[in-house]
Amino acid sequence: PFIYQEVIDLGGEPITASEYTGLGRVTEFKYGAKLGTVFRK
C-alpha cells in the first residue's frame, strides 16, 4: 500500500518530517506555502 503521511513541518518545531520519511511519503507543506509567496510576489 502507498503511504503518505500528514506531517506539518514548516520549520521551527522539534518534530520534523524527516522522522517519518523512512515509513512512506510525507506531505510537503513548505511547497504550497512557498509557491504561494512566489506567485503572489
All heavy atoms as atom14 arrays in JSON, in Angstrom:
{
  "sequence": "PFIYQEVIDLGGEPITASEYTGLGRVTEFKYGAKLGTVFRK",
  "atom14_mask": [
    [1, 1, 1, 1, 1, 1, 1, 0, 0, 0, 0, 0, 0, 0],
    [1, 1, 1, 1, 1, 1, 1, 1, 1, 1, 1, 0, 0, 0],
    [1, 1, 1, 1, 1, 1, 1, 1, 0, 0, 0, 0, 0, 0],
    [1, 1, 1, 1, 1, 1, 1, 1, 1, 1, 1, 1, 0, 0],
    [1, 1, 1, 1, 1, 1, 1, 1, 1, 0, 0, 0, 0, 0],
    [1, 1, 1, 1, 1, 1, 1, 1, 1, 0, 0, 0, 0, 0],
    [1, 1, 1, 1, 1, 1, 1, 0, 0, 0, 0, 0, 0, 0],
    [1, 1, 1, 1, 1, 1, 1, 1, 0, 0, 0, 0, 0, 0],
    [1, 1, 1, 1, 1, 1, 1, 1, 0, 0, 0, 0, 0, 0],
    [1, 1, 1, 1, 1, 1, 1, 1, 0, 0, 0, 0, 0, 0],
    [1, 1, 1, 1, 0, 0, 0, 0, 0, 0, 0, 0, 0, 0],
    [1, 1, 1, 1, 0, 0, 0, 0, 0, 0, 0, 0, 0, 0],
    [1, 1, 1, 1, 1, 1, 1, 1, 1, 0, 0, 0, 0, 0],
    [1, 1, 1, 1, 1, 1, 1, 0, 0, 0, 0, 0, 0, 0],
    [1, 1, 1, 1, 1, 1, 1, 1, 0, 0, 0, 0, 0, 0],
    [1, 1, 1, 1, 1, 1, 1, 0, 0, 0, 0, 0, 0, 0],
    [1, 1, 1, 1, 1, 0, 0, 0, 0, 0, 0, 0, 0, 0],
    [1, 1, 1, 1, 1, 1, 0, 0, 0, 0, 0, 0, 0, 0],
    [1, 1, 1, 1, 1, 1, 1, 1, 1, 0, 0, 0, 0, 0],
    [1, 1, 1, 1, 1, 1, 1, 1, 1, 1, 1, 1, 0, 0],
    [1, 1, 1, 1, 1, 1, 1, 0, 0, 0, 0, 0, 0, 0],
    [1, 1, 1, 1, 0, 0, 0, 0, 0, 0, 0, 0, 0, 0],
    [1, 1, 1, 1, 1, 1, 1, 1, 0, 0, 0, 0, 0, 0],
    [1, 1, 1, 1, 0, 0, 0, 0, 0, 0, 0, 0, 0, 0],
    [1, 1, 1, 1, 1, 1, 1, 1, 1, 1, 1, 0, 0, 0],
    [1, 1, 1, 1, 1, 1, 1, 0, 0, 0, 0, 0, 0, 0],
    [1, 1, 1, 1, 1, 1, 1, 0, 0, 0, 0, 0, 0, 0],
    [1, 1, 1, 1, 1, 1, 1, 1, 1, 0, 0, 0, 0, 0],
    [1, 1, 1, 1, 1, 1, 1, 1, 1, 1, 1, 0, 0, 0],
    [1, 1, 1, 1, 1, 1, 1, 1, 1, 0, 0, 0, 0, 0],
    [1, 1, 1, 1, 1, 1, 1, 1, 1, 1, 1, 1, 0, 0],
    [1, 1, 1, 1, 0, 0, 0, 0, 0, 0, 0, 0, 0, 0],
    [1, 1, 1, 1, 1, 0, 0, 0, 0, 0, 0, 0, 0, 0],
    [1, 1, 1, 1, 1, 1, 1, 1, 1, 0, 0, 0, 0, 0],
    [1, 1, 1, 1, 1, 1, 1, 1, 0, 0, 0, 0, 0, 0],
    [1, 1, 1, 1, 0, 0, 0, 0, 0, 0, 0, 0, 0, 0],
    [1, 1, 1, 1, 1, 1, 1, 0, 0, 0, 0, 0, 0, 0],
    [1, 1, 1, 1, 1, 1, 1, 0, 0, 0, 0, 0, 0, 0],
    [1, 1, 1, 1, 1, 1, 1, 1, 1, 1, 1, 0, 0, 0],
    [1, 1, 1, 1, 1, 1, 1, 1, 1, 1, 1, 0, 0, 0],
    [1, 1, 1, 1, 1, 1, 1, 1, 1, 0, 0, 0, 0, 0]
  ],
  "atom14_positions": [
    [[0.83, -1.21, 0.0], [0.0, 0.0, 0.0], [0.86, 1.26, 0.0], [1.88, 1.33, 0.69], [-0.82, -0.12, 1.29], [-0.09, -1.11, 2.14], [0.61, -2.03, 1.2], [0.0, 0.0, 0.0], [0.0, 0.0, 0.0], [0.0, 0.0, 0.0], [0.0, 0.0, 0.0], [0.0, 0.0, 0.0], [0.0, 0.0, 0.0], [0.0, 0.0, 0.0]],
    [[0.45, 2.23, -0.79], [1.1, 3.55, -0.81], [0.73, 4.27, 0.48], [-0.45, 4.37, 0.83], [0.6, 4.32, -2.03], [1.14, 5.72, -2.16], [2.48, 6.01, -1.95], [0.3, 6.76, -2.53], [2.98, 7.3, -2.09], [0.78, 8.06, -2.69], [2.12, 8.33, -2.46], [0.0, 0.0, 0.0], [0.0, 0.0, 0.0], [0.0, 0.0, 0.0]],
    [[1.73, 4.78, 1.19], [1.51, 5.51, 2.44], [2.0, 6.94, 2.26], [3.16, 7.16, 1.91], [2.28, 4.87, 3.62], [1.88, 3.4, 3.81], [2.07, 5.68, 4.9], [0.52, 3.16, 4.39], [0.0, 0.0, 0.0], [0.0, 0.0, 0.0], [0.0, 0.0, 0.0], [0.0, 0.0, 0.0], [0.0, 0.0, 0.0], [0.0, 0.0, 0.0]],
    [[1.12, 7.92, 2.45], [1.6, 9.3, 2.57], [0.99, 9.93, 3.81], [-0.19, 9.82, 4.07], [1.36, 10.12, 1.3], [-0.04, 10.26, 0.76], [-0.75, 11.44, 0.91], [-0.64, 9.22, 0.04], [-2.02, 11.6, 0.37], [-1.91, 9.37, -0.5], [-2.6, 10.56, -0.33], [-3.86, 10.7, -0.87], [0.0, 0.0, 0.0], [0.0, 0.0, 0.0]],
    [[1.89, 10.54, 4.59], [1.59, 10.91, 5.96], [1.5, 12.42, 6.12], [2.38, 13.15, 5.67], [2.7, 10.36, 6.86], [2.88, 8.85, 6.72], [4.26, 8.38, 7.16], [4.4, 7.84, 8.24], [5.26, 8.6, 6.35], [0.0, 0.0, 0.0], [0.0, 0.0, 0.0], [0.0, 0.0, 0.0], [0.0, 0.0, 0.0], [0.0, 0.0, 0.0]],
    [[0.43, 12.87, 6.77], [0.3, 14.3, 7.04], [1.2, 14.68, 8.21], [0.94, 14.31, 9.36], [-1.15, 14.67, 7.38], [-1.32, 16.16, 7.55], [-2.48, 16.56, 8.44], [-2.93, 15.75, 9.28], [-2.94, 17.71, 8.31], [0.0, 0.0, 0.0], [0.0, 0.0, 0.0], [0.0, 0.0, 0.0], [0.0, 0.0, 0.0], [0.0, 0.0, 0.0]],
    [[2.29, 15.38, 7.9], [3.17, 15.94, 8.92], [3.39, 17.4, 8.55], [4.02, 17.71, 7.54], [4.53, 15.21, 8.97], [5.39, 15.82, 10.07], [4.33, 13.71, 9.22], [0.0, 0.0, 0.0], [0.0, 0.0, 0.0], [0.0, 0.0, 0.0], [0.0, 0.0, 0.0], [0.0, 0.0, 0.0], [0.0, 0.0, 0.0], [0.0, 0.0, 0.0]],
    [[2.83, 18.31, 9.34], [3.0, 19.74, 9.07], [4.34, 20.17, 9.65], [4.53, 20.17, 10.86], [1.84, 20.56, 9.68], [0.51, 20.13, 9.05], [2.09, 22.05, 9.46], [-0.71, 20.76, 9.69], [0.0, 0.0, 0.0], [0.0, 0.0, 0.0], [0.0, 0.0, 0.0], [0.0, 0.0, 0.0], [0.0, 0.0, 0.0], [0.0, 0.0, 0.0]],
    [[5.28, 20.49, 8.75], [6.62, 20.88, 9.17], [7.05, 22.08, 8.33], [7.53, 21.93, 7.21], [7.59, 19.7, 8.98], [9.04, 20.08, 9.28], [9.26, 21.18, 9.86], [9.94, 19.29, 8.95], [0.0, 0.0, 0.0], [0.0, 0.0, 0.0], [0.0, 0.0, 0.0], [0.0, 0.0, 0.0], [0.0, 0.0, 0.0], [0.0, 0.0, 0.0]],
    [[6.86, 23.27, 8.88], [7.33, 24.49, 8.22], [8.63, 24.97, 8.85], [9.11, 26.06, 8.55], [6.26, 25.59, 8.31], [4.97, 25.33, 7.54], [3.98, 26.47, 7.74], [5.23, 25.11, 6.05], [0.0, 0.0, 0.0], [0.0, 0.0, 0.0], [0.0, 0.0, 0.0], [0.0, 0.0, 0.0], [0.0, 0.0, 0.0], [0.0, 0.0, 0.0]],
    [[9.2, 24.15, 9.73], [10.41, 24.53, 10.45], [10.08, 25.15, 11.79], [8.98, 25.63, 12.02], [0.0, 0.0, 0.0], [0.0, 0.0, 0.0], [0.0, 0.0, 0.0], [0.0, 0.0, 0.0], [0.0, 0.0, 0.0], [0.0, 0.0, 0.0], [0.0, 0.0, 0.0], [0.0, 0.0, 0.0], [0.0, 0.0, 0.0], [0.0, 0.0, 0.0]],
    [[11.04, 25.11, 12.7], [10.86, 25.78, 13.99], [10.26, 24.94, 15.09], [10.05, 25.43, 16.2], [0.0, 0.0, 0.0], [0.0, 0.0, 0.0], [0.0, 0.0, 0.0], [0.0, 0.0, 0.0], [0.0, 0.0, 0.0], [0.0, 0.0, 0.0], [0.0, 0.0, 0.0], [0.0, 0.0, 0.0], [0.0, 0.0, 0.0], [0.0, 0.0, 0.0]],
    [[9.93, 23.66, 14.79], [9.39, 22.77, 15.82], [10.31, 21.55, 15.95], [10.98, 21.18, 14.99], [7.97, 22.32, 15.47], [6.93, 23.43, 15.55], [5.53, 22.91, 15.24], [5.29, 21.69, 15.38], [4.69, 23.73, 14.83], [0.0, 0.0, 0.0], [0.0, 0.0, 0.0], [0.0, 0.0, 0.0], [0.0, 0.0, 0.0], [0.0, 0.0, 0.0]],
    [[10.31, 20.9, 17.12], [11.21, 19.76, 17.3], [10.81, 18.53, 16.48], [11.66, 17.72, 16.13], [11.13, 19.47, 18.8], [9.83, 20.07, 19.25], [9.62, 21.27, 18.37], [0.0, 0.0, 0.0], [0.0, 0.0, 0.0], [0.0, 0.0, 0.0], [0.0, 0.0, 0.0], [0.0, 0.0, 0.0], [0.0, 0.0, 0.0], [0.0, 0.0, 0.0]],
    [[9.51, 18.37, 16.18], [9.07, 17.23, 15.37], [9.21, 17.61, 13.9], [8.67, 18.63, 13.46], [7.63, 16.83, 15.7], [7.53, 16.31, 17.14], [7.14, 15.75, 14.73], [6.13, 15.97, 17.6], [0.0, 0.0, 0.0], [0.0, 0.0, 0.0], [0.0, 0.0, 0.0], [0.0, 0.0, 0.0], [0.0, 0.0, 0.0], [0.0, 0.0, 0.0]],
    [[9.93, 16.78, 13.14], [10.2, 17.1, 11.75], [9.68, 16.01, 10.82], [9.51, 14.85, 11.23], [11.72, 17.26, 11.51], [12.35, 16.0, 11.78], [12.3, 18.33, 12.42], [0.0, 0.0, 0.0], [0.0, 0.0, 0.0], [0.0, 0.0, 0.0], [0.0, 0.0, 0.0], [0.0, 0.0, 0.0], [0.0, 0.0, 0.0], [0.0, 0.0, 0.0]],
    [[9.47, 16.39, 9.58], [9.01, 15.44, 8.56], [9.99, 14.3, 8.38], [9.59, 13.16, 8.1], [8.79, 16.17, 7.24], [0.0, 0.0, 0.0], [0.0, 0.0, 0.0], [0.0, 0.0, 0.0], [0.0, 0.0, 0.0], [0.0, 0.0, 0.0], [0.0, 0.0, 0.0], [0.0, 0.0, 0.0], [0.0, 0.0, 0.0], [0.0, 0.0, 0.0]],
    [[11.29, 14.57, 8.57], [12.31, 13.55, 8.32], [12.16, 12.34, 9.23], [12.66, 11.26, 8.91], [13.71, 14.15, 8.46], [13.92, 14.62, 9.79], [0.0, 0.0, 0.0], [0.0, 0.0, 0.0], [0.0, 0.0, 0.0], [0.0, 0.0, 0.0], [0.0, 0.0, 0.0], [0.0, 0.0, 0.0], [0.0, 0.0, 0.0], [0.0, 0.0, 0.0]],
    [[11.47, 12.51, 10.37], [11.25, 11.37, 11.26], [10.32, 10.34, 10.64], [10.25, 9.2, 11.11], [10.67, 11.85, 12.59], [11.6, 12.73, 13.4], [10.93, 13.22, 14.68], [10.48, 12.36, 15.46], [10.85, 14.45, 14.89], [0.0, 0.0, 0.0], [0.0, 0.0, 0.0], [0.0, 0.0, 0.0], [0.0, 0.0, 0.0], [0.0, 0.0, 0.0]],
    [[9.59, 10.73, 9.6], [8.55, 9.87, 9.03], [8.87, 9.4, 7.61], [8.18, 8.52, 7.09], [7.21, 10.61, 9.04], [6.72, 10.95, 10.42], [7.17, 12.09, 11.08], [5.84, 10.11, 11.1], [6.74, 12.4, 12.37], [5.4, 10.4, 12.38], [5.86, 11.56, 13.01], [5.44, 11.84, 14.29], [0.0, 0.0, 0.0], [0.0, 0.0, 0.0]],
    [[9.88, 9.99, 6.96], [10.13, 9.67, 5.56], [10.6, 8.23, 5.36], [10.47, 7.69, 4.26], [11.15, 10.64, 4.94], [12.32, 10.68, 5.77], [10.58, 12.04, 4.83], [0.0, 0.0, 0.0], [0.0, 0.0, 0.0], [0.0, 0.0, 0.0], [0.0, 0.0, 0.0], [0.0, 0.0, 0.0], [0.0, 0.0, 0.0], [0.0, 0.0, 0.0]],
    [[11.14, 7.6, 6.4], [11.52, 6.2, 6.28], [10.34, 5.26, 6.21], [10.49, 4.09, 5.83], [0.0, 0.0, 0.0], [0.0, 0.0, 0.0], [0.0, 0.0, 0.0], [0.0, 0.0, 0.0], [0.0, 0.0, 0.0], [0.0, 0.0, 0.0], [0.0, 0.0, 0.0], [0.0, 0.0, 0.0], [0.0, 0.0, 0.0], [0.0, 0.0, 0.0]],
    [[9.15, 5.76, 6.56], [7.95, 4.92, 6.64], [7.09, 5.01, 5.39], [6.27, 4.13, 5.12], [7.11, 5.32, 7.85], [7.82, 5.33, 9.2], [6.89, 5.84, 10.29], [8.32, 3.93, 9.54], [0.0, 0.0, 0.0], [0.0, 0.0, 0.0], [0.0, 0.0, 0.0], [0.0, 0.0, 0.0], [0.0, 0.0, 0.0], [0.0, 0.0, 0.0]],
    [[7.23, 6.09, 4.65], [6.39, 6.35, 3.48], [6.62, 7.78, 3.05], [7.49, 8.48, 3.61], [0.0, 0.0, 0.0], [0.0, 0.0, 0.0], [0.0, 0.0, 0.0], [0.0, 0.0, 0.0], [0.0, 0.0, 0.0], [0.0, 0.0, 0.0], [0.0, 0.0, 0.0], [0.0, 0.0, 0.0], [0.0, 0.0, 0.0], [0.0, 0.0, 0.0]],
    [[5.87, 8.24, 2.08], [5.99, 9.65, 1.69], [5.36, 10.54, 2.76], [4.59, 10.07, 3.61], [5.33, 9.9, 0.34], [6.15, 9.35, -0.83], [5.63, 9.79, -2.17], [6.39, 9.15, -3.23], [7.28, 9.76, -4.0], [7.5, 11.06, -3.85], [7.93, 9.1, -4.94], [0.0, 0.0, 0.0], [0.0, 0.0, 0.0], [0.0, 0.0, 0.0]],
    [[5.69, 11.82, 2.69], [5.2, 12.78, 3.67], [4.69, 14.01, 2.91], [5.27, 14.41, 1.89], [6.32, 13.18, 4.66], [5.83, 14.28, 5.61], [6.77, 11.96, 5.46], [0.0, 0.0, 0.0], [0.0, 0.0, 0.0], [0.0, 0.0, 0.0], [0.0, 0.0, 0.0], [0.0, 0.0, 0.0], [0.0, 0.0, 0.0], [0.0, 0.0, 0.0]],
    [[3.62, 14.59, 3.4], [3.06, 15.8, 2.79], [4.04, 16.96, 2.99], [4.36, 17.31, 4.12], [1.71, 16.15, 3.43], [1.87, 16.14, 4.86], [0.64, 15.13, 3.04], [0.0, 0.0, 0.0], [0.0, 0.0, 0.0], [0.0, 0.0, 0.0], [0.0, 0.0, 0.0], [0.0, 0.0, 0.0], [0.0, 0.0, 0.0], [0.0, 0.0, 0.0]],
    [[4.49, 17.57, 1.9], [5.47, 18.67, 1.98], [4.72, 20.0, 2.02], [4.38, 20.58, 0.99], [6.43, 18.6, 0.78], [7.48, 19.7, 0.77], [8.26, 19.85, 2.06], [7.75, 20.56, 2.97], [9.37, 19.3, 2.17], [0.0, 0.0, 0.0], [0.0, 0.0, 0.0], [0.0, 0.0, 0.0], [0.0, 0.0, 0.0], [0.0, 0.0, 0.0]],
    [[4.44, 20.46, 3.25], [3.66, 21.69, 3.42], [4.43, 22.95, 3.03], [3.83, 23.98, 2.75], [3.16, 21.79, 4.86], [1.9, 21.02, 5.12], [1.95, 19.68, 5.46], [0.66, 21.62, 4.99], [0.79, 18.95, 5.69], [-0.51, 20.9, 5.21], [-0.44, 19.57, 5.56], [0.0, 0.0, 0.0], [0.0, 0.0, 0.0], [0.0, 0.0, 0.0]],
    [[5.76, 22.87, 3.01], [6.52, 24.04, 2.56], [6.22, 24.36, 1.1], [6.33, 25.52, 0.67], [8.03, 23.79, 2.71], [8.52, 23.59, 4.14], [10.05, 23.45, 4.16], [10.6, 23.16, 5.55], [10.56, 21.72, 5.86], [0.0, 0.0, 0.0], [0.0, 0.0, 0.0], [0.0, 0.0, 0.0], [0.0, 0.0, 0.0], [0.0, 0.0, 0.0]],
    [[5.85, 23.35, 0.33], [5.66, 23.5, -1.11], [4.61, 24.57, -1.43], [4.9, 25.55, -2.12], [5.25, 22.15, -1.7], [5.3, 22.07, -3.21], [6.39, 21.47, -3.84], [4.28, 22.55, -4.01], [6.46, 21.37, -5.22], [4.33, 22.46, -5.39], [5.42, 21.86, -5.99], [5.49, 21.78, -7.36], [0.0, 0.0, 0.0], [0.0, 0.0, 0.0]],
    [[3.39, 24.38, -0.94], [2.32, 25.33, -1.25], [2.53, 26.67, -0.58], [2.21, 27.72, -1.17], [0.0, 0.0, 0.0], [0.0, 0.0, 0.0], [0.0, 0.0, 0.0], [0.0, 0.0, 0.0], [0.0, 0.0, 0.0], [0.0, 0.0, 0.0], [0.0, 0.0, 0.0], [0.0, 0.0, 0.0], [0.0, 0.0, 0.0], [0.0, 0.0, 0.0]],
    [[3.08, 26.66, 0.64], [3.29, 27.91, 1.35], [4.3, 28.8, 0.61], [4.07, 30.01, 0.43], [3.79, 27.62, 2.77], [0.0, 0.0, 0.0], [0.0, 0.0, 0.0], [0.0, 0.0, 0.0], [0.0, 0.0, 0.0], [0.0, 0.0, 0.0], [0.0, 0.0, 0.0], [0.0, 0.0, 0.0], [0.0, 0.0, 0.0], [0.0, 0.0, 0.0]],
    [[5.41, 28.2, 0.16], [6.44, 28.99, -0.52], [6.04, 29.32, -1.95], [6.32, 30.42, -2.44], [7.77, 28.23, -0.47], [8.33, 28.13, 0.94], [9.67, 27.4, 0.99], [10.25, 27.43, 2.4], [11.57, 26.77, 2.47], [0.0, 0.0, 0.0], [0.0, 0.0, 0.0], [0.0, 0.0, 0.0], [0.0, 0.0, 0.0], [0.0, 0.0, 0.0]],
    [[5.38, 28.38, -2.63], [4.97, 28.65, -4.01], [3.95, 29.78, -4.06], [3.99, 30.64, -4.96], [4.39, 27.38, -4.65], [4.31, 27.37, -6.17], [5.69, 27.48, -6.8], [3.61, 26.1, -6.66], [0.0, 0.0, 0.0], [0.0, 0.0, 0.0], [0.0, 0.0, 0.0], [0.0, 0.0, 0.0], [0.0, 0.0, 0.0], [0.0, 0.0, 0.0]],
    [[3.04, 29.81, -3.07], [2.07, 30.91, -3.0], [2.75, 32.26, -2.81], [2.37, 33.26, -3.43], [0.0, 0.0, 0.0], [0.0, 0.0, 0.0], [0.0, 0.0, 0.0], [0.0, 0.0, 0.0], [0.0, 0.0, 0.0], [0.0, 0.0, 0.0], [0.0, 0.0, 0.0], [0.0, 0.0, 0.0], [0.0, 0.0, 0.0], [0.0, 0.0, 0.0]],
    [[3.78, 32.29, -1.97], [4.52, 33.54, -1.74], [5.19, 34.01, -3.04], [5.17, 35.2, -3.35], [5.59, 33.32, -0.66], [4.94, 32.93, 0.56], [6.38, 34.59, -0.4], [0.0, 0.0, 0.0], [0.0, 0.0, 0.0], [0.0, 0.0, 0.0], [0.0, 0.0, 0.0], [0.0, 0.0, 0.0], [0.0, 0.0, 0.0], [0.0, 0.0, 0.0]],
    [[5.75, 33.07, -3.81], [6.43, 33.43, -5.05], [5.44, 33.95, -6.09], [5.66, 35.01, -6.7], [7.21, 32.22, -5.6], [7.77, 32.54, -6.98], [8.34, 31.84, -4.65], [0.0, 0.0, 0.0], [0.0, 0.0, 0.0], [0.0, 0.0, 0.0], [0.0, 0.0, 0.0], [0.0, 0.0, 0.0], [0.0, 0.0, 0.0], [0.0, 0.0, 0.0]],
    [[4.34, 33.25, -6.3], [3.38, 33.68, -7.32], [2.67, 34.97, -6.92], [2.26, 35.75, -7.78], [2.38, 32.57, -7.64], [2.86, 31.64, -8.72], [3.58, 30.5, -8.4], [2.63, 31.91, -10.05], [4.06, 29.64, -9.39], [3.09, 31.07, -11.06], [3.8, 29.93, -10.72], [0.0, 0.0, 0.0], [0.0, 0.0, 0.0], [0.0, 0.0, 0.0]],
    [[2.53, 35.21, -5.62], [1.94, 36.48, -5.16], [2.96, 37.62, -5.17], [2.6, 38.77, -4.92], [1.37, 36.32, -3.74], [0.16, 35.4, -3.64], [-0.36, 35.39, -2.21], [-1.4, 34.4, -2.0], [-2.69, 34.56, -2.29], [-3.09, 35.71, -2.84], [-3.56, 33.61, -2.05], [0.0, 0.0, 0.0], [0.0, 0.0, 0.0], [0.0, 0.0, 0.0]],
    [[4.25, 37.28, -5.38], [5.35, 38.24, -5.41], [5.53, 38.94, -4.06], [5.98, 40.09, -4.0], [5.14, 39.3, -6.52], [4.92, 38.73, -7.9], [4.76, 39.88, -8.91], [3.95, 39.45, -10.1], [3.69, 40.56, -11.02], [0.0, 0.0, 0.0], [0.0, 0.0, 0.0], [0.0, 0.0, 0.0], [0.0, 0.0, 0.0], [0.0, 0.0, 0.0]]
  ]
}
